[in-house]
Amino acid sequence: MMMIEQLLTSFAASAAFAILFQAPKRTLLQCGFVGMAGWLLYISFMEMSTDPILATLYASFFITVLSLVFAKLYKTPIIVFNVAGIIPLVPGGLAYDAMRNVVENRYDIAVQLGFKAFLLSGAIAAGLFFTEVINQIIMKLRARRET
């Protein structure tokens, strides 16, 4: 039951963020689906005792691949699906806890939480980046093959 709640919440968060960023109305369901699928993959890796940073990297990689597919299918820029889909993975709660601990003068905890939030954010960026690099390499190879 908890898994269903998380999937529905991640879908709603991604779709709501797409609305906030004024994504085309016809793509709202797809944006929600991308976020939900990415969160499902993240949770699946976490249940297999994968490191949270690696789970985030894999999930962001998957989100970008799925976003590429939807961008081609719906003739929409990839950023529409990427931004909305990545929202469930963003470590906002962790960053908040780090800042709260700074305010409460618990710097040792704050540094640990802040560093973890930094690493998770880096994993998201790396997943997005590597997918785009691989996509560009594939596109160049296809272009060479056609000429």
Protein backbone atom coordinates (compact mmCIF):
# COMPACT_ATOMS: atom_id res chain seq x y z
CA MET A 1 0.00 0.00 0.00
CA MET A 2 2.87 2.35 0.81
CA MET A 3 4.31 1.82 -2.70
CA ILE A 4 1.02 2.84 -4.34
CA GLU A 5 0.89 5.99 -2.21
CA GLN A 6 4.44 6.89 -3.20
CA LEU A 7 3.74 6.29 -6.88
CA LEU A 8 0.59 8.41 -6.81
CA THR A 9 2.36 11.16 -4.90
CA SER A 10 5.31 11.21 -7.28
CA PHE A 11 2.92 11.30 -10.24
CA ALA A 12 1.01 14.22 -8.69
CA ALA A 13 4.20 16.10 -7.79
CA SER A 14 5.62 15.77 -11.30
CA ALA A 15 2.35 16.74 -13.00
CA ALA A 16 1.89 19.70 -10.62
CA PHE A 17 5.42 20.88 -11.30
CA ALA A 18 4.72 20.64 -15.03
CA ILE A 19 1.71 22.89 -14.50
CA LEU A 20 3.86 25.30 -12.48
CA PHE A 21 6.37 25.49 -15.33
CA GLN A 22 3.56 25.95 -17.86
CA ALA A 23 4.21 22.75 -19.76
CA PRO A 24 1.74 22.12 -22.59
CA LYS A 25 -1.50 20.72 -21.18
CA ARG A 26 -1.36 17.75 -23.53
CA THR A 27 1.87 16.58 -21.85
CA LEU A 28 0.81 16.71 -18.19
CA LEU A 29 0.01 13.00 -17.93
CA GLN A 30 3.29 12.08 -19.58
CA CYS A 31 5.22 14.39 -17.22
CA GLY A 32 3.54 12.73 -14.26
CA PHE A 33 4.30 9.30 -15.68
CA VAL A 34 8.00 10.14 -16.16
CA GLY A 35 8.29 11.26 -12.53
CA MET A 36 6.41 8.24 -11.29
CA ALA A 37 8.51 5.81 -13.35
CA GLY A 38 11.73 7.42 -12.15
CA TRP A 39 10.60 7.22 -8.53
CA LEU A 40 9.58 3.58 -8.99
CA LEU A 41 13.05 2.75 -10.28
CA TYR A 42 14.65 4.68 -7.41
CA ILE A 43 12.55 2.87 -4.81
CA SER A 44 13.26 -0.48 -6.47
CA PHE A 45 17.01 0.10 -6.24
CA MET A 46 16.69 1.27 -2.64
CA GLU A 47 14.85 -1.94 -1.73
CA MET A 48 17.77 -3.88 -3.18
CA SER A 49 20.05 -2.03 -0.71
CA THR A 50 21.68 0.04 -3.43
CA ASP A 51 23.51 3.16 -2.32
CA PRO A 52 21.10 6.15 -2.53
CA ILE A 53 23.52 8.07 -4.74
CA LEU A 54 23.75 5.23 -7.27
CA ALA A 55 19.98 4.72 -7.12
CA THR A 56 19.52 8.43 -7.87
CA LEU A 57 22.02 8.25 -10.74
CA TYR A 58 20.25 5.27 -12.31
CA ALA A 59 16.82 6.82 -11.86
CA SER A 60 17.85 10.17 -13.36
CA PHE A 61 19.46 8.34 -16.28
CA PHE A 62 16.21 6.44 -16.83
CA ILE A 63 14.13 9.62 -16.53
CA THR A 64 16.19 11.28 -19.24
CA VAL A 65 15.92 8.27 -21.56
CA LEU A 66 12.15 8.19 -21.04
CA SER A 67 12.03 11.95 -21.60
CA LEU A 68 13.89 11.53 -24.88
CA VAL A 69 11.34 8.95 -26.01
CA PHE A 70 8.38 11.15 -25.05
CA ALA A 71 10.00 14.22 -26.62
CA LYS A 72 10.21 12.40 -29.94
CA LEU A 73 6.74 10.87 -29.67
CA TYR A 74 4.98 14.10 -28.75
CA LYS A 75 7.26 16.47 -30.68
CA THR A 76 7.96 18.48 -27.56
CA PRO A 77 11.29 19.70 -26.14
CA ILE A 78 12.91 17.19 -23.81
CA ILE A 79 13.18 19.77 -21.03
CA VAL A 80 9.39 19.60 -20.54
CA PHE A 81 9.61 15.99 -19.42
CA ASN A 82 13.06 16.16 -17.78
CA VAL A 83 12.30 18.98 -15.38
CA ALA A 84 8.95 17.63 -14.27
CA GLY A 85 10.17 14.05 -14.09
CA ILE A 86 13.22 14.75 -11.97
CA ILE A 87 11.27 16.53 -9.20
CA PRO A 88 10.59 13.44 -7.03
CA LEU A 89 14.35 12.78 -6.86
CA VAL A 90 15.37 16.28 -5.75
CA PRO A 91 16.69 16.11 -2.16
CA GLY A 92 14.76 19.14 -0.93
CA GLY A 93 13.86 17.65 2.44
CA LEU A 94 17.48 16.72 3.06
CA ALA A 95 18.66 20.23 2.18
CA TYR A 96 16.00 21.68 4.48
CA ASP A 97 17.15 19.46 7.34
CA ALA A 98 20.75 20.54 6.74
CA MET A 99 19.80 24.21 6.95
CA ARG A 100 17.64 23.63 10.00
CA ASN A 101 20.60 22.03 11.75
CA VAL A 102 22.77 25.04 10.85
CA VAL A 103 20.22 27.35 12.48
CA GLU A 104 20.11 25.09 15.54
CA ASN A 105 23.96 25.19 15.78
CA ARG A 106 24.34 21.46 15.08
CA TYR A 107 27.02 21.94 12.47
CA ASP A 108 28.32 18.38 12.48
CA ILE A 109 24.92 17.02 11.43
CA ALA A 110 24.36 19.94 9.05
CA VAL A 111 27.59 19.25 7.17
CA GLN A 112 26.76 15.56 6.80
CA LEU A 113 23.24 16.24 5.53
CA GLY A 114 24.39 19.07 3.27
CA PHE A 115 27.09 16.91 1.73
CA LYS A 116 24.64 14.08 1.12
CA ALA A 117 22.20 16.52 -0.54
CA PHE A 118 25.10 17.80 -2.65
CA LEU A 119 26.04 14.27 -3.75
CA LEU A 120 22.44 13.38 -4.60
CA SER A 121 22.11 16.57 -6.64
CA GLY A 122 25.35 15.72 -8.41
CA ALA A 123 24.02 12.25 -9.19
CA ILE A 124 20.92 13.81 -10.75
CA ALA A 125 23.06 16.14 -12.86
CA ALA A 126 25.38 13.30 -13.89
CA GLY A 127 22.46 11.10 -14.93
CA LEU A 128 21.01 13.89 -17.06
CA PHE A 129 24.40 14.70 -18.55
CA PHE A 130 25.50 11.14 -19.39
CA THR A 131 22.21 10.37 -21.10
CA GLU A 132 22.52 13.43 -23.28
CA VAL A 133 26.14 12.62 -24.14
CA ILE A 134 25.21 9.06 -25.11
CA ASN A 135 22.29 10.38 -27.17
CA GLN A 136 24.59 12.79 -29.03
CA ILE A 137 27.07 10.01 -29.78
CA ILE A 138 24.29 7.80 -31.13
CA MET A 139 22.96 10.64 -33.28
CA LYS A 140 26.42 11.31 -34.73
CA LEU A 141 26.96 7.63 -35.47
CA ARG A 142 23.61 7.46 -37.26
CA ALA A 143 24.46 10.58 -39.27
CA ARG A 144 27.79 9.07 -40.34
CA ARG A 145 26.13 5.81 -41.28
CA GLU A 146 23.59 7.61 -43.48
CA THR A 147 26.26 9.55 -45.40
